[in-house]
Protein backbone atom coordinates (compact mmCIF):
# COMPACT_ATOMS: atom_id res chain seq x y z
CA UNK A 1 -42.02 13.31 27.14
CA UNK A 2 -39.74 15.60 25.15
CA UNK A 3 -36.72 13.68 26.46
CA UNK A 4 -37.83 10.35 25.01
CA UNK A 5 -36.61 11.09 21.45
CA UNK A 6 -33.24 12.18 22.85
CA UNK A 7 -33.01 8.89 24.74
CA UNK A 8 -33.62 6.93 21.56
CA UNK A 9 -31.03 9.03 19.74
CA UNK A 10 -28.57 8.46 22.58
CA UNK A 11 -29.08 4.69 22.40
CA UNK A 12 -28.53 4.79 18.64
CA UNK A 13 -25.25 6.70 19.08
CA UNK A 14 -24.08 4.25 21.76
CA UNK A 15 -25.02 1.34 19.55
CA UNK A 16 -23.11 2.81 16.61
CA UNK A 17 -20.05 3.51 18.76
CA UNK A 18 -20.10 -0.04 20.10
CA UNK A 19 -19.81 -1.38 16.55
CA UNK A 20 -17.19 1.11 15.37
CA UNK A 21 -13.78 -0.31 14.56
CA UNK A 22 -10.94 0.89 16.77
CA UNK A 23 -8.77 3.53 15.10
CA UNK A 24 -5.14 2.39 15.37
CA UNK A 25 -2.20 4.45 14.12
CA UNK A 26 1.41 3.23 13.92
CA UNK A 27 4.01 4.85 16.14
CA UNK A 28 6.51 7.08 14.31
CA UNK A 29 9.10 4.30 14.63
CA UNK A 30 6.73 1.67 13.17
CA UNK A 31 5.70 4.03 10.35
CA UNK A 32 9.35 4.86 9.63
CA UNK A 33 10.25 1.17 9.32
CA UNK A 34 7.31 0.66 6.94
CA UNK A 35 8.30 3.66 4.79
CA UNK A 36 11.94 2.53 4.64
CA UNK A 37 10.74 -0.91 3.51
CA UNK A 38 8.61 0.73 0.82
CA UNK A 39 11.21 3.22 -0.43
CA UNK A 40 14.41 1.33 0.35
CA UNK A 41 17.30 2.42 2.54
CA UNK A 42 19.71 3.05 -0.34
CA UNK A 43 18.42 6.58 -0.92
CA UNK A 44 20.86 9.25 0.37
CA UNK A 45 20.06 10.14 3.98
CA UNK A 46 17.43 7.41 4.40
CA UNK A 47 19.38 5.46 7.03
CA UNK A 48 19.63 8.57 9.24
CA UNK A 49 16.07 9.71 8.50
CA UNK A 50 13.22 10.05 10.97
CA UNK A 51 9.47 10.16 10.40
CA UNK A 52 6.82 12.34 12.02
CA UNK A 53 3.10 11.56 11.79
CA UNK A 54 0.53 14.35 11.50
CA UNK A 55 -3.19 14.00 10.90
CA UNK A 56 -4.63 10.50 10.43
CA UNK A 57 -8.04 9.54 9.03
CA UNK A 58 -9.63 6.21 8.18
CA UNK A 59 -8.79 5.12 4.64
CA UNK A 60 -11.85 5.18 2.37
CA UNK A 61 -12.82 1.77 1.01
CA UNK A 62 -9.85 0.12 2.74
CA UNK A 63 -8.18 -2.81 1.03
CA UNK A 64 -7.04 -4.02 4.48
CA UNK A 65 -8.85 -3.97 7.80
CA UNK A 66 -7.73 -1.01 9.93
CA UNK A 67 -6.05 0.84 7.06
CA UNK A 68 -5.39 4.51 7.90
CA UNK A 69 -4.25 7.49 5.84
CA UNK A 70 -1.81 9.88 7.54
CA UNK A 71 0.20 12.92 6.67
CA UNK A 72 3.86 12.13 7.22
CA UNK A 73 7.04 14.13 7.19
CA UNK A 74 10.30 12.42 6.34
CA UNK A 75 13.05 14.25 8.20
CA UNK A 76 16.64 14.04 6.95
CA UNK A 77 19.82 15.97 7.67
CA UNK A 78 19.44 17.74 4.31
CA UNK A 79 15.76 18.66 4.64
CA UNK A 80 12.20 17.45 5.00
CA UNK A 81 9.51 16.06 2.74
CA UNK A 82 5.81 16.03 3.64
CA UNK A 83 3.54 13.50 1.97
CA UNK A 84 0.38 11.52 2.66
CA UNK A 85 0.79 7.78 3.21
CA UNK A 86 -1.46 4.85 4.07
CA UNK A 87 -0.61 2.28 6.72
CA UNK A 88 -2.09 -1.10 7.56
CA UNK A 89 -1.00 -4.12 9.57
CA UNK A 90 -0.05 -7.39 7.92
CA UNK A 91 0.73 -10.17 10.36
CA UNK A 92 1.39 -7.66 13.15
CA UNK A 93 3.84 -5.64 11.03
CA UNK A 94 2.97 -2.18 9.68
CA UNK A 95 3.06 -1.74 5.90
CA UNK A 96 3.20 1.62 4.07
CA UNK A 97 1.43 2.17 0.77
CA UNK A 98 0.31 5.04 -1.46
CA UNK A 99 -2.39 7.28 0.07
CA UNK A 100 -6.10 6.81 -0.57
CA UNK A 101 -7.65 9.60 1.55
CA UNK A 102 -7.50 12.91 -0.27
CA UNK A 103 -9.07 14.84 2.63
CA UNK A 104 -5.82 15.07 4.60
CA UNK A 105 -4.57 18.63 5.17
CA UNK A 106 -1.59 19.83 3.15
CA UNK A 107 0.50 21.31 4.47
CA UNK A 108 -0.47 19.73 7.77
CA UNK A 109 -0.23 22.23 10.67
CA UNK A 110 0.56 19.32 13.02
CA UNK A 111 3.87 18.88 11.18
CA UNK A 112 4.82 22.57 11.04
CA UNK A 113 7.48 22.43 13.79
CA UNK A 114 9.06 19.06 13.04
CA UNK A 115 12.83 18.96 12.57
CA UNK A 116 15.47 16.28 12.24
CA UNK A 117 17.20 15.68 15.59
CA UNK A 118 20.78 14.36 15.28
CA UNK A 119 21.63 11.19 17.19
CA UNK A 120 18.06 10.14 17.91
CA UNK A 121 15.55 7.96 16.17
CA UNK A 122 12.81 10.47 16.90
CA UNK A 123 11.99 13.96 15.60
């Protein structure tokens, strides 16, 4: 009889998981395109830049369904810049916007070894 409460708890967890929204994160290439659209490609080094994605969490009180907050690192020949950024999909295209989740780690250990790689679109 001691297992019965665990069974009920297990069913509740399964029920909650069944209703949870899938957590989707853009690829580094998709996120890079969204950031370039947001910031513009006329900044020095932006056309040759790359983007790495670190930790991602659901955005609190999202303005768009599936909005996520991620740590990002913009990698350029002259250096790097780490910043949080939100991403959401609009008509199948990823859009970047200012961050809403302040619980992201900074600096993010997942981005510690990221470097710009010449001649590739990927870090």
